[in-house]
């Protein structure tokens, strides 16, 4: 199972406390998918979305995604 570590990345990069709506405008992603990814909701982001997140946070995909055995 692949987990999205968006909440951890947001905290690590100093955006903790910033609303998902504000982040979504800066990143160029709708706030609802951003919230779902950050809060562990079942959501399958596109590669384009992952690319935007990595570019915004100056991160690599492995900073954002982790594989965990079920």
PDB file of N, CA and C in Angstrom:
ATOM      1  N   UNK A   1       0.845  -1.173   0.000  1.00  0.00           N
ATOM      2  CA  UNK A   1       0.000   0.000   0.000  1.00  0.00           C
ATOM      3  C   UNK A   1       0.894   1.242   0.000  1.00  0.00           C
ATOM      4  N   UNK A   2       0.577   2.189  -0.835  1.00  0.00           N
ATOM      5  CA  UNK A   2       1.346   3.427  -0.902  1.00  0.00           C
ATOM      6  C   UNK A   2       0.623   4.497  -0.098  1.00  0.00           C
ATOM      7  N   UNK A   3       1.340   5.107   0.825  1.00  0.00           N
ATOM      8  CA  UNK A   3       0.789   6.193   1.637  1.00  0.00           C
ATOM      9  C   UNK A   3       1.401   7.518   1.194  1.00  0.00           C
ATOM     10  N   UNK A   4       0.593   8.552   1.272  1.00  0.00           N
ATOM     11  CA  UNK A   4       1.042   9.899   0.923  1.00  0.00           C
ATOM     12  C   UNK A   4       1.393  10.622   2.212  1.00  0.00           C
ATOM     13  N   UNK A   5       2.622  11.093   2.302  1.00  0.00           N
ATOM     14  CA  UNK A   5       3.112  11.759   3.514  1.00  0.00           C
ATOM     15  C   UNK A   5       3.024  13.281   3.383  1.00  0.00           C
ATOM     16  N   UNK A   6       1.912  13.761   2.862  1.00  0.00           N
ATOM     17  CA  UNK A   6       1.779  15.193   2.616  1.00  0.00           C
ATOM     18  C   UNK A   6       1.762  16.001   3.905  1.00  0.00           C
ATOM     19  N   UNK A   7       1.046  15.538   4.904  1.00  0.00           N
ATOM     20  CA  UNK A   7       0.974  16.282   6.168  1.00  0.00           C
ATOM     21  C   UNK A   7       2.372  16.436   6.774  1.00  0.00           C
ATOM     22  N   UNK A   8       3.171  15.375   6.714  1.00  0.00           N
ATOM     23  CA  UNK A   8       4.527  15.426   7.241  1.00  0.00           C
ATOM     24  C   UNK A   8       5.398  16.384   6.432  1.00  0.00           C
ATOM     25  N   UNK A   9       5.227  16.372   5.105  1.00  0.00           N
ATOM     26  CA  UNK A   9       5.999  17.257   4.241  1.00  0.00           C
ATOM     27  C   UNK A   9       5.617  18.720   4.477  1.00  0.00           C
ATOM     28  N   UNK A  10       4.337  18.972   4.669  1.00  0.00           N
ATOM     29  CA  UNK A  10       3.877  20.333   4.964  1.00  0.00           C
ATOM     30  C   UNK A  10       4.538  20.837   6.239  1.00  0.00           C
ATOM     31  N   UNK A  11       4.578  20.005   7.257  1.00  0.00           N
ATOM     32  CA  UNK A  11       5.194  20.384   8.529  1.00  0.00           C
ATOM     33  C   UNK A  11       6.694  20.591   8.366  1.00  0.00           C
ATOM     34  N   UNK A  12       7.344  19.657   7.678  1.00  0.00           N
ATOM     35  CA  UNK A  12       8.793  19.719   7.483  1.00  0.00           C
ATOM     36  C   UNK A  12       9.223  20.975   6.732  1.00  0.00           C
ATOM     37  N   UNK A  13       8.413  21.396   5.773  1.00  0.00           N
ATOM     38  CA  UNK A  13       8.758  22.554   4.941  1.00  0.00           C
ATOM     39  C   UNK A  13       8.277  23.874   5.531  1.00  0.00           C
ATOM     40  N   UNK A  14       7.677  23.849   6.729  1.00  0.00           N
ATOM     41  CA  UNK A  14       7.304  25.077   7.413  1.00  0.00           C
ATOM     42  C   UNK A  14       5.967  25.670   7.019  1.00  0.00           C
ATOM     43  N   UNK A  15       5.078  24.863   6.469  1.00  0.00           N
ATOM     44  CA  UNK A  15       3.760  25.348   6.071  1.00  0.00           C
ATOM     45  C   UNK A  15       2.670  24.913   7.036  1.00  0.00           C
ATOM     46  N   UNK A  16       3.049  24.366   8.172  1.00  0.00           N
ATOM     47  CA  UNK A  16       2.065  23.946   9.166  1.00  0.00           C
ATOM     48  C   UNK A  16       1.297  25.179   9.645  1.00  0.00           C
ATOM     49  N   UNK A  17      -0.003  25.065   9.726  1.00  0.00           N
ATOM     50  CA  UNK A  17      -0.830  26.195  10.137  1.00  0.00           C
ATOM     51  C   UNK A  17      -1.374  27.001   8.970  1.00  0.00           C
ATOM     52  N   UNK A  18      -0.837  26.781   7.773  1.00  0.00           N
ATOM     53  CA  UNK A  18      -1.351  27.453   6.582  1.00  0.00           C
ATOM     54  C   UNK A  18      -2.556  26.656   6.094  1.00  0.00           C
ATOM     55  N   UNK A  19      -3.632  27.325   5.735  1.00  0.00           N
ATOM     56  CA  UNK A  19      -4.842  26.621   5.321  1.00  0.00           C
ATOM     57  C   UNK A  19      -4.616  25.869   4.005  1.00  0.00           C
ATOM     58  N   UNK A  20      -5.380  24.792   3.839  1.00  0.00           N
ATOM     59  CA  UNK A  20      -5.279  24.025   2.601  1.00  0.00           C
ATOM     60  C   UNK A  20      -5.755  24.849   1.409  1.00  0.00           C
ATOM     61  N   UNK A  21      -6.685  25.750   1.644  1.00  0.00           N
ATOM     62  CA  UNK A  21      -7.152  26.624   0.556  1.00  0.00           C
ATOM     63  C   UNK A  21      -6.019  27.524   0.067  1.00  0.00           C
ATOM     64  N   UNK A  22      -5.269  28.094   1.001  1.00  0.00           N
ATOM     65  CA  UNK A  22      -4.153  28.968   0.619  1.00  0.00           C
ATOM     66  C   UNK A  22      -3.060  28.162  -0.088  1.00  0.00           C
ATOM     67  N   UNK A  23      -2.721  27.008   0.472  1.00  0.00           N
ATOM     68  CA  UNK A  23      -1.723  26.151  -0.167  1.00  0.00           C
ATOM     69  C   UNK A  23      -2.178  25.735  -1.560  1.00  0.00           C
ATOM     70  N   UNK A  24      -3.443  25.402  -1.705  1.00  0.00           N
ATOM     71  CA  UNK A  24      -3.947  24.938  -3.000  1.00  0.00           C
ATOM     72  C   UNK A  24      -3.794  26.018  -4.067  1.00  0.00           C
ATOM     73  N   UNK A  25      -4.014  27.263  -3.696  1.00  0.00           N
ATOM     74  CA  UNK A  25      -3.847  28.358  -4.650  1.00  0.00           C
ATOM     75  C   UNK A  25      -2.387  28.513  -5.054  1.00  0.00           C
ATOM     76  N   UNK A  26      -1.482  28.371  -4.094  1.00  0.00           N
ATOM     77  CA  UNK A  26      -0.056  28.511  -4.384  1.00  0.00           C
ATOM     78  C   UNK A  26       0.462  27.343  -5.227  1.00  0.00           C
ATOM     79  N   UNK A  27      -0.019  26.146  -4.944  1.00  0.00           N
ATOM     80  CA  UNK A  27       0.456  24.955  -5.645  1.00  0.00           C
ATOM     81  C   UNK A  27      -0.235  24.783  -6.991  1.00  0.00           C
ATOM     82  N   UNK A  28      -1.495  25.186  -7.072  1.00  0.00           N
ATOM     83  CA  UNK A  28      -2.257  25.014  -8.299  1.00  0.00           C
ATOM     84  C   UNK A  28      -3.045  23.716  -8.321  1.00  0.00           C
ATOM     85  N   UNK A  29      -3.438  23.255  -7.126  1.00  0.00           N
ATOM     86  CA  UNK A  29      -4.229  22.036  -6.961  1.00  0.00           C
ATOM     87  C   UNK A  29      -5.468  22.412  -6.149  1.00  0.00           C
ATOM     88  N   UNK A  30      -6.597  21.842  -6.485  1.00  0.00           N
ATOM     89  CA  UNK A  30      -7.820  22.089  -5.730  1.00  0.00           C
ATOM     90  C   UNK A  30      -7.614  21.726  -4.256  1.00  0.00           C
ATOM     91  N   UNK A  31      -8.252  22.454  -3.362  1.00  0.00           N
ATOM     92  CA  UNK A  31      -8.029  22.240  -1.931  1.00  0.00           C
ATOM     93  C   UNK A  31      -8.574  20.906  -1.425  1.00  0.00           C
ATOM     94  N   UNK A  32      -9.648  20.394  -2.028  1.00  0.00           N
ATOM     95  CA  UNK A  32     -10.232  19.142  -1.548  1.00  0.00           C
ATOM     96  C   UNK A  32      -9.286  17.947  -1.737  1.00  0.00           C
ATOM     97  N   UNK A  33      -8.705  17.735  -2.925  1.00  0.00           N
ATOM     98  CA  UNK A  33      -7.735  16.646  -3.045  1.00  0.00           C
ATOM     99  C   UNK A  33      -6.520  16.843  -2.139  1.00  0.00           C
ATOM    100  N   UNK A  34      -6.096  18.066  -1.985  1.00  0.00           N
ATOM    101  CA  UNK A  34      -4.964  18.358  -1.108  1.00  0.00           C
ATOM    102  C   UNK A  34      -5.302  17.955   0.326  1.00  0.00           C
ATOM    103  N   UNK A  35      -6.492  18.319   0.790  1.00  0.00           N
ATOM    104  CA  UNK A  35      -6.933  17.947   2.133  1.00  0.00           C
ATOM    105  C   UNK A  35      -7.027  16.435   2.274  1.00  0.00           C
ATOM    106  N   UNK A  36      -7.611  15.771   1.272  1.00  0.00           N
ATOM    107  CA  UNK A  36      -7.757  14.318   1.321  1.00  0.00           C
ATOM    108  C   UNK A  36      -6.397  13.631   1.425  1.00  0.00           C
ATOM    109  N   UNK A  37      -5.442  14.079   0.623  1.00  0.00           N
ATOM    110  CA  UNK A  37      -4.104  13.474   0.665  1.00  0.00           C
ATOM    111  C   UNK A  37      -3.433  13.706   2.012  1.00  0.00           C
ATOM    112  N   UNK A  38      -3.581  14.900   2.557  1.00  0.00           N
ATOM    113  CA  UNK A  38      -2.939  15.228   3.826  1.00  0.00           C
ATOM    114  C   UNK A  38      -3.560  14.495   5.005  1.00  0.00           C
ATOM    115  N   UNK A  39      -4.824  14.148   4.895  1.00  0.00           N
ATOM    116  CA  UNK A  39      -5.529  13.538   6.019  1.00  0.00           C
ATOM    117  C   UNK A  39      -5.778  12.036   5.858  1.00  0.00           C
ATOM    118  N   UNK A  40      -5.060  11.406   4.951  1.00  0.00           N
ATOM    119  CA  UNK A  40      -5.126   9.964   4.817  1.00  0.00           C
ATOM    120  C   UNK A  40      -6.392   9.420   4.193  1.00  0.00           C
ATOM    121  N   UNK A  41      -7.168  10.288   3.564  1.00  0.00           N
ATOM    122  CA  UNK A  41      -8.367   9.824   2.864  1.00  0.00           C
ATOM    123  C   UNK A  41      -7.939   9.035   1.628  1.00  0.00           C
ATOM    124  N   UNK A  42      -8.786   8.151   1.167  1.00  0.00           N
ATOM    125  CA  UNK A  42      -8.496   7.373  -0.030  1.00  0.00           C
ATOM    126  C   UNK A  42      -8.520   8.303  -1.235  1.00  0.00           C
ATOM    127  N   UNK A  43      -7.360   8.564  -1.820  1.00  0.00           N
ATOM    128  CA  UNK A  43      -7.259   9.457  -2.968  1.00  0.00           C
ATOM    129  C   UNK A  43      -6.075   9.025  -3.821  1.00  0.00           C
ATOM    130  N   UNK A  44      -6.278   8.960  -5.122  1.00  0.00           N
ATOM    131  CA  UNK A  44      -5.223   8.576  -6.062  1.00  0.00           C
ATOM    132  C   UNK A  44      -4.812   9.793  -6.883  1.00  0.00           C
ATOM    133  N   UNK A  45      -3.727  10.465  -6.491  1.00  0.00           N
ATOM    134  CA  UNK A  45      -3.305  11.648  -7.230  1.00  0.00           C
ATOM    135  C   UNK A  45      -2.704  11.278  -8.582  1.00  0.00           C
ATOM    136  N   UNK A  46      -2.838  12.174  -9.532  1.00  0.00           N
ATOM    137  CA  UNK A  46      -2.233  11.973 -10.849  1.00  0.00           C
ATOM    138  C   UNK A  46      -0.740  12.287 -10.763  1.00  0.00           C
ATOM    139  N   UNK A  47       0.001  11.860 -11.770  1.00  0.00           N
ATOM    140  CA  UNK A  47       1.426  12.191 -11.820  1.00  0.00           C
ATOM    141  C   UNK A  47       1.622  13.699 -11.930  1.00  0.00           C
ATOM    142  N   UNK A  48       0.722  14.365 -12.623  1.00  0.00           N
ATOM    143  CA  UNK A  48       0.795  15.824 -12.749  1.00  0.00           C
ATOM    144  C   UNK A  48       0.647  16.483 -11.374  1.00  0.00           C
ATOM    145  N   UNK A  49      -0.259  15.970 -10.574  1.00  0.00           N
ATOM    146  CA  UNK A  49      -0.464  16.507  -9.227  1.00  0.00           C
ATOM    147  C   UNK A  49       0.772  16.256  -8.357  1.00  0.00           C
ATOM    148  N   UNK A  50       1.323  15.047  -8.435  1.00  0.00           N
ATOM    149  CA  UNK A  50       2.541  14.733  -7.679  1.00  0.00           C
ATOM    150  C   UNK A  50       3.695  15.621  -8.131  1.00  0.00           C
ATOM    151  N   UNK A  51       3.770  15.890  -9.431  1.00  0.00           N
ATOM    152  CA  UNK A  51       4.808  16.766  -9.965  1.00  0.00           C
ATOM    153  C   UNK A  51       4.682  18.177  -9.385  1.00  0.00           C
ATOM    154  N   UNK A  52       3.454  18.695  -9.319  1.00  0.00           N
ATOM    155  CA  UNK A  52       3.236  20.037  -8.754  1.00  0.00           C
ATOM    156  C   UNK A  52       3.627  20.088  -7.275  1.00  0.00           C
ATOM    157  N   UNK A  53       3.282  19.039  -6.539  1.00  0.00           N
ATOM    158  CA  UNK A  53       3.627  18.997  -5.115  1.00  0.00           C
ATOM    159  C   UNK A  53       5.143  18.949  -4.920  1.00  0.00           C
ATOM    160  N   UNK A  54       5.809  18.106  -5.698  1.00  0.00           N
ATOM    161  CA  UNK A  54       7.262  18.002  -5.585  1.00  0.00           C
ATOM    162  C   UNK A  54       7.937  19.316  -5.963  1.00  0.00           C
ATOM    163  N   UNK A  55       7.452  19.952  -7.010  1.00  0.00           N
ATOM    164  CA  UNK A  55       8.029  21.231  -7.434  1.00  0.00           C
ATOM    165  C   UNK A  55       7.823  22.304  -6.363  1.00  0.00           C
ATOM    166  N   UNK A  56       6.616  22.396  -5.824  1.00  0.00           N
ATOM    167  CA  UNK A  56       6.319  23.419  -4.826  1.00  0.00           C
ATOM    168  C   UNK A  56       7.157  23.241  -3.561  1.00  0.00           C
ATOM    169  N   UNK A  57       7.244  22.001  -3.081  1.00  0.00           N
ATOM    170  CA  UNK A  57       7.960  21.744  -1.835  1.00  0.00           C
ATOM    171  C   UNK A  57       9.449  21.459  -2.049  1.00  0.00           C
ATOM    172  N   UNK A  58       9.900  21.543  -3.302  1.00  0.00           N
ATOM    173  CA  UNK A  58      11.295  21.223  -3.642  1.00  0.00           C
ATOM    174  C   UNK A  58      11.658  19.865  -3.048  1.00  0.00           C
ATOM    175  N   UNK A  59      10.864  18.869  -3.403  1.00  0.00           N
ATOM    176  CA  UNK A  59      10.990  17.535  -2.827  1.00  0.00           C
ATOM    177  C   UNK A  59      11.080  16.484  -3.926  1.00  0.00           C
ATOM    178  N   UNK A  60      11.500  15.315  -3.542  1.00  0.00           N
ATOM    179  CA  UNK A  60      11.529  14.156  -4.423  1.00  0.00           C
ATOM    180  C   UNK A  60      10.285  13.305  -4.140  1.00  0.00           C
ATOM    181  N   UNK A  61       9.859  12.470  -5.091  1.00  0.00           N
ATOM    182  CA  UNK A  61       8.689  11.626  -4.841  1.00  0.00           C
ATOM    183  C   UNK A  61       8.811  10.787  -3.574  1.00  0.00           C
ATOM    184  N   UNK A  62      10.013  10.314  -3.251  1.00  0.00           N
ATOM    185  CA  UNK A  62      10.159   9.508  -2.031  1.00  0.00           C
ATOM    186  C   UNK A  62      10.016  10.342  -0.763  1.00  0.00           C
ATOM    187  N   UNK A  63      10.036  11.664  -0.868  1.00  0.00           N
ATOM    188  CA  UNK A  63       9.742  12.522   0.285  1.00  0.00           C
ATOM    189  C   UNK A  63       8.235  12.582   0.531  1.00  0.00           C
ATOM    190  N   UNK A  64       7.473  12.251  -0.489  1.00  0.00           N
ATOM    191  CA  UNK A  64       6.027  12.384  -0.460  1.00  0.00           C
ATOM    192  C   UNK A  64       5.294  11.035  -0.354  1.00  0.00           C
ATOM    193  N   UNK A  65       5.897   9.983  -0.879  1.00  0.00           N
ATOM    194  CA  UNK A  65       5.250   8.679  -0.941  1.00  0.00           C
ATOM    195  C   UNK A  65       6.069   7.633  -0.192  1.00  0.00           C
ATOM    196  N   UNK A  66       5.367   6.703   0.441  1.00  0.00           N
ATOM    197  CA  UNK A  66       6.038   5.592   1.121  1.00  0.00           C
ATOM    198  C   UNK A  66       5.222   4.320   0.884  1.00  0.00           C
ATOM    199  N   UNK A  67       5.929   3.227   0.639  1.00  0.00           N
ATOM    200  CA  UNK A  67       5.268   1.941   0.447  1.00  0.00           C
ATOM    201  C   UNK A  67       5.297   1.174   1.753  1.00  0.00           C
ATOM    202  N   UNK A  68       4.131   0.698   2.169  1.00  0.00           N
ATOM    203  CA  UNK A  68       4.018  -0.114   3.386  1.00  0.00           C
ATOM    204  C   UNK A  68       3.303  -1.405   3.025  1.00  0.00           C
ATOM    205  N   UNK A  69       3.881  -2.518   3.462  1.00  0.00           N
ATOM    206  CA  UNK A  69       3.243  -3.809   3.219  1.00  0.00           C
ATOM    207  C   UNK A  69       1.967  -3.903   4.039  1.00  0.00           C
ATOM    208  N   UNK A  70       0.979  -4.551   3.482  1.00  0.00           N
ATOM    209  CA  UNK A  70      -0.309  -4.720   4.167  1.00  0.00           C
ATOM    210  C   UNK A  70      -0.250  -5.820   5.158  1.00  0.00           C
TER     211      UNK A  70
END
